[in-house]
Protein backbone atom coordinates (compact mmCIF):
# COMPACT_ATOMS: atom_id res chain seq x y z
CA MET A 1 51.35 173.52 77.92
CA LYS A 2 47.65 172.96 78.16
CA PRO A 3 45.60 173.59 75.03
CA LEU A 4 44.85 177.29 74.65
CA GLU A 5 41.13 176.54 74.80
CA SER A 6 41.54 175.40 78.42
CA TYR A 7 42.29 178.97 79.49
CA LYS A 8 39.06 180.90 79.89
CA ARG A 9 38.98 184.03 77.72
CA CYS A 10 36.62 186.84 78.64
CA GLU A 11 34.81 188.01 75.53
CA VAL A 12 34.34 191.50 76.99
CA THR A 13 37.89 192.28 78.20
CA GLY A 14 39.83 189.78 76.07
CA MET A 15 41.72 188.69 79.20
CA TYR A 16 42.71 185.07 79.85
CA GLU A 17 42.08 183.33 83.16
CA ASP A 18 44.24 180.42 84.32
CA ASP A 19 43.37 177.51 86.65
CA ASP A 20 44.35 179.58 89.69
CA GLY A 21 41.86 182.29 88.78
CA VAL A 22 44.60 184.71 87.78
CA SER A 23 43.71 186.99 84.87
CA TRP A 24 46.25 187.77 82.17
CA THR A 25 45.84 190.91 80.09
CA ASP A 26 46.79 189.16 76.86
CA LEU A 27 48.15 185.94 75.42
CA GLY A 28 51.73 187.25 75.53
CA SER A 29 51.52 187.88 79.28
CA LEU A 30 50.07 184.41 79.82
CA LEU A 31 52.88 182.78 77.81
CA GLN A 32 55.67 184.91 79.30
CA SER A 33 54.70 184.62 82.95
CA LYS A 34 52.44 181.59 83.43
CA VAL A 35 53.88 179.16 80.89
CA ILE A 36 57.55 180.15 80.65
CA GLY A 37 57.75 181.50 84.21
CA HIS A 38 59.51 184.77 83.45
CA CYS A 39 58.44 188.06 84.96
CA GLY A 40 56.80 190.66 82.78
CA CYS A 41 59.46 193.33 83.34
CA GLY A 42 61.72 194.72 80.67
CA CYS A 43 60.67 193.73 77.16
CA PRO A 44 58.55 190.58 77.45
CA GLU A 45 57.39 190.89 73.84
CA GLU A 46 61.01 190.84 72.66
CA ASN A 47 61.67 187.81 74.86
CA LEU A 48 58.75 185.93 73.30
CA LYS A 49 59.96 186.97 69.83
CA LEU A 50 63.38 185.52 70.62
CA ILE A 51 61.82 182.25 71.80
CA TYR A 52 59.56 182.11 68.74
CA ASP A 53 62.41 182.81 66.31
CA MET A 54 64.75 180.26 67.87
CA LEU A 55 62.08 177.56 67.95
CA MET A 56 61.18 178.31 64.32
CA ILE A 57 64.84 177.90 63.31
CA GLN A 58 64.92 174.56 65.12
CA GLN A 59 61.64 173.44 63.61
CA GLU A 60 62.79 174.44 60.12
CA HIS A 61 65.82 172.17 60.45
CA TRP A 62 64.20 169.19 62.14
CA ASN A 63 63.42 166.13 60.09
CA LYS A 64 63.15 162.85 61.97
CA ASP A 65 63.38 160.90 58.69
CA ALA A 66 66.57 162.59 57.44
CA THR A 67 69.72 160.66 56.57
CA TYR A 68 72.90 161.26 58.54
CA GLU A 69 74.30 163.46 55.75
CA GLN A 70 71.08 165.51 55.66
CA ILE A 71 71.15 165.89 59.42
CA MET A 72 74.76 167.11 59.39
CA THR A 73 74.09 169.57 56.55
CA SER A 74 71.01 170.86 58.32
CA TYR A 75 72.93 171.05 61.61
CA HIS A 76 75.60 173.31 60.10
CA GLU A 77 73.02 175.46 58.29
CA LYS A 78 71.02 175.80 61.51
CA ASN A 79 74.11 176.75 63.52
CA GLU A 80 75.00 179.42 60.96
CA LYS A 81 71.47 180.84 61.17
CA ILE A 82 71.61 180.82 64.97
CA LYS A 83 75.02 182.52 64.99
CA ASN A 84 73.77 185.28 62.70
CA TYR A 85 70.57 185.62 64.72
CA VAL A 86 72.50 185.94 67.99
CA VAL A 87 74.75 188.65 66.56
CA GLU A 88 71.77 190.59 65.21
CA ASN A 89 69.69 190.15 68.38
CA TRP A 90 72.24 190.25 71.18
CA GLU A 91 70.05 192.54 73.31
CA ARG A 92 67.22 189.97 73.28
CA PHE A 93 69.66 187.26 74.36
CA SER A 94 71.00 189.49 77.10
CA ASP A 95 67.51 190.09 78.46
CA PHE A 96 66.69 186.37 78.17
CA PHE A 97 69.79 185.54 80.22
CA PHE A 98 68.75 187.99 82.93
CA TYR A 99 65.17 186.64 82.96
CA VAL A 100 66.58 183.16 83.61
CA MET A 101 68.92 184.41 86.36
CA ASN A 102 65.93 186.15 87.96
CA ASP A 103 63.84 182.97 87.72
CA LYS A 104 66.62 181.00 89.42
CA GLU A 105 66.84 183.70 92.14
CA ILE A 106 70.50 184.35 91.37
CA MET A 107 69.55 187.93 90.51
CA GLU A 108 66.77 190.30 91.50
CA HIS A 109 65.52 193.42 89.81
CA GLY A 110 63.26 196.36 90.32
CA GLY A 111 61.09 197.45 87.40
CA SER A 112 63.39 196.17 84.68
CA VAL A 113 66.03 193.54 84.06
CA PRO A 114 69.00 193.05 84.56
CA GLY A 115 69.07 194.09 88.24
CA TRP A 116 71.62 192.94 90.79
CA ILE A 117 73.19 189.69 92.00
CA CYS A 118 71.54 188.48 95.19
CA ASP A 119 72.83 184.92 95.57
CA ASN A 120 76.34 185.48 96.86
CA ASN A 121 76.77 181.79 97.73
CA PHE A 122 76.20 180.89 94.08
CA MET A 123 78.66 183.58 92.97
CA GLU A 124 81.35 182.31 95.37
CA ALA A 125 80.87 178.73 94.13
CA LEU A 126 80.95 179.95 90.52
CA LYS A 127 84.24 181.81 91.15
CA ILE A 128 85.80 178.64 92.59
CA TRP A 129 84.56 176.65 89.59
CA HIS A 130 85.92 179.29 87.18
CA ALA A 131 89.37 179.23 88.79
CA GLN A 132 89.49 175.44 88.35
CA TYR A 133 88.20 175.76 84.80
CA LEU A 134 91.07 178.12 83.92
CA ILE A 135 93.60 175.72 85.48
CA ASP A 136 92.13 172.78 83.52
CA LYS A 137 92.18 174.74 80.24
CA ALA A 138 95.80 175.80 80.78
CA GLU A 139 96.80 172.19 81.47
CA GLU A 140 95.00 171.03 78.31
CA GLU A 141 96.89 173.63 76.24
CA ASN A 142 100.23 172.64 77.79
CA ASN A 143 99.59 168.92 77.26
CA GLY A 144 97.95 169.12 73.88
């Protein structure tokens, strides 16, 4: 992302203007739509909160100078925090998933996510993959 100072901010309205001359009502809208690329439907503030929280968990557990033992301890602590966070915030994760599917044009929506599946070719390919996945898993269980 470009430095925040590179986006022009109107002192009167408080709106941000990007390089394309598009005005954003607030910093959250700029981050959600311009930087991340998600639409502003549904609960964009909750989506940004999810992203913030997850990145803060990662940052809290990142130490490039850590020993292997420290890394493994931190890894397990981080995974436990993430698991608890996901359980407590499953609706945010659900919306995030649907934002991504919308961005990839696998789904569309009206005024709010989730919407409907629009890429039937992707769905057909995914069903074929899933059938093979189930076969592979069954073979692993029988052989293992």
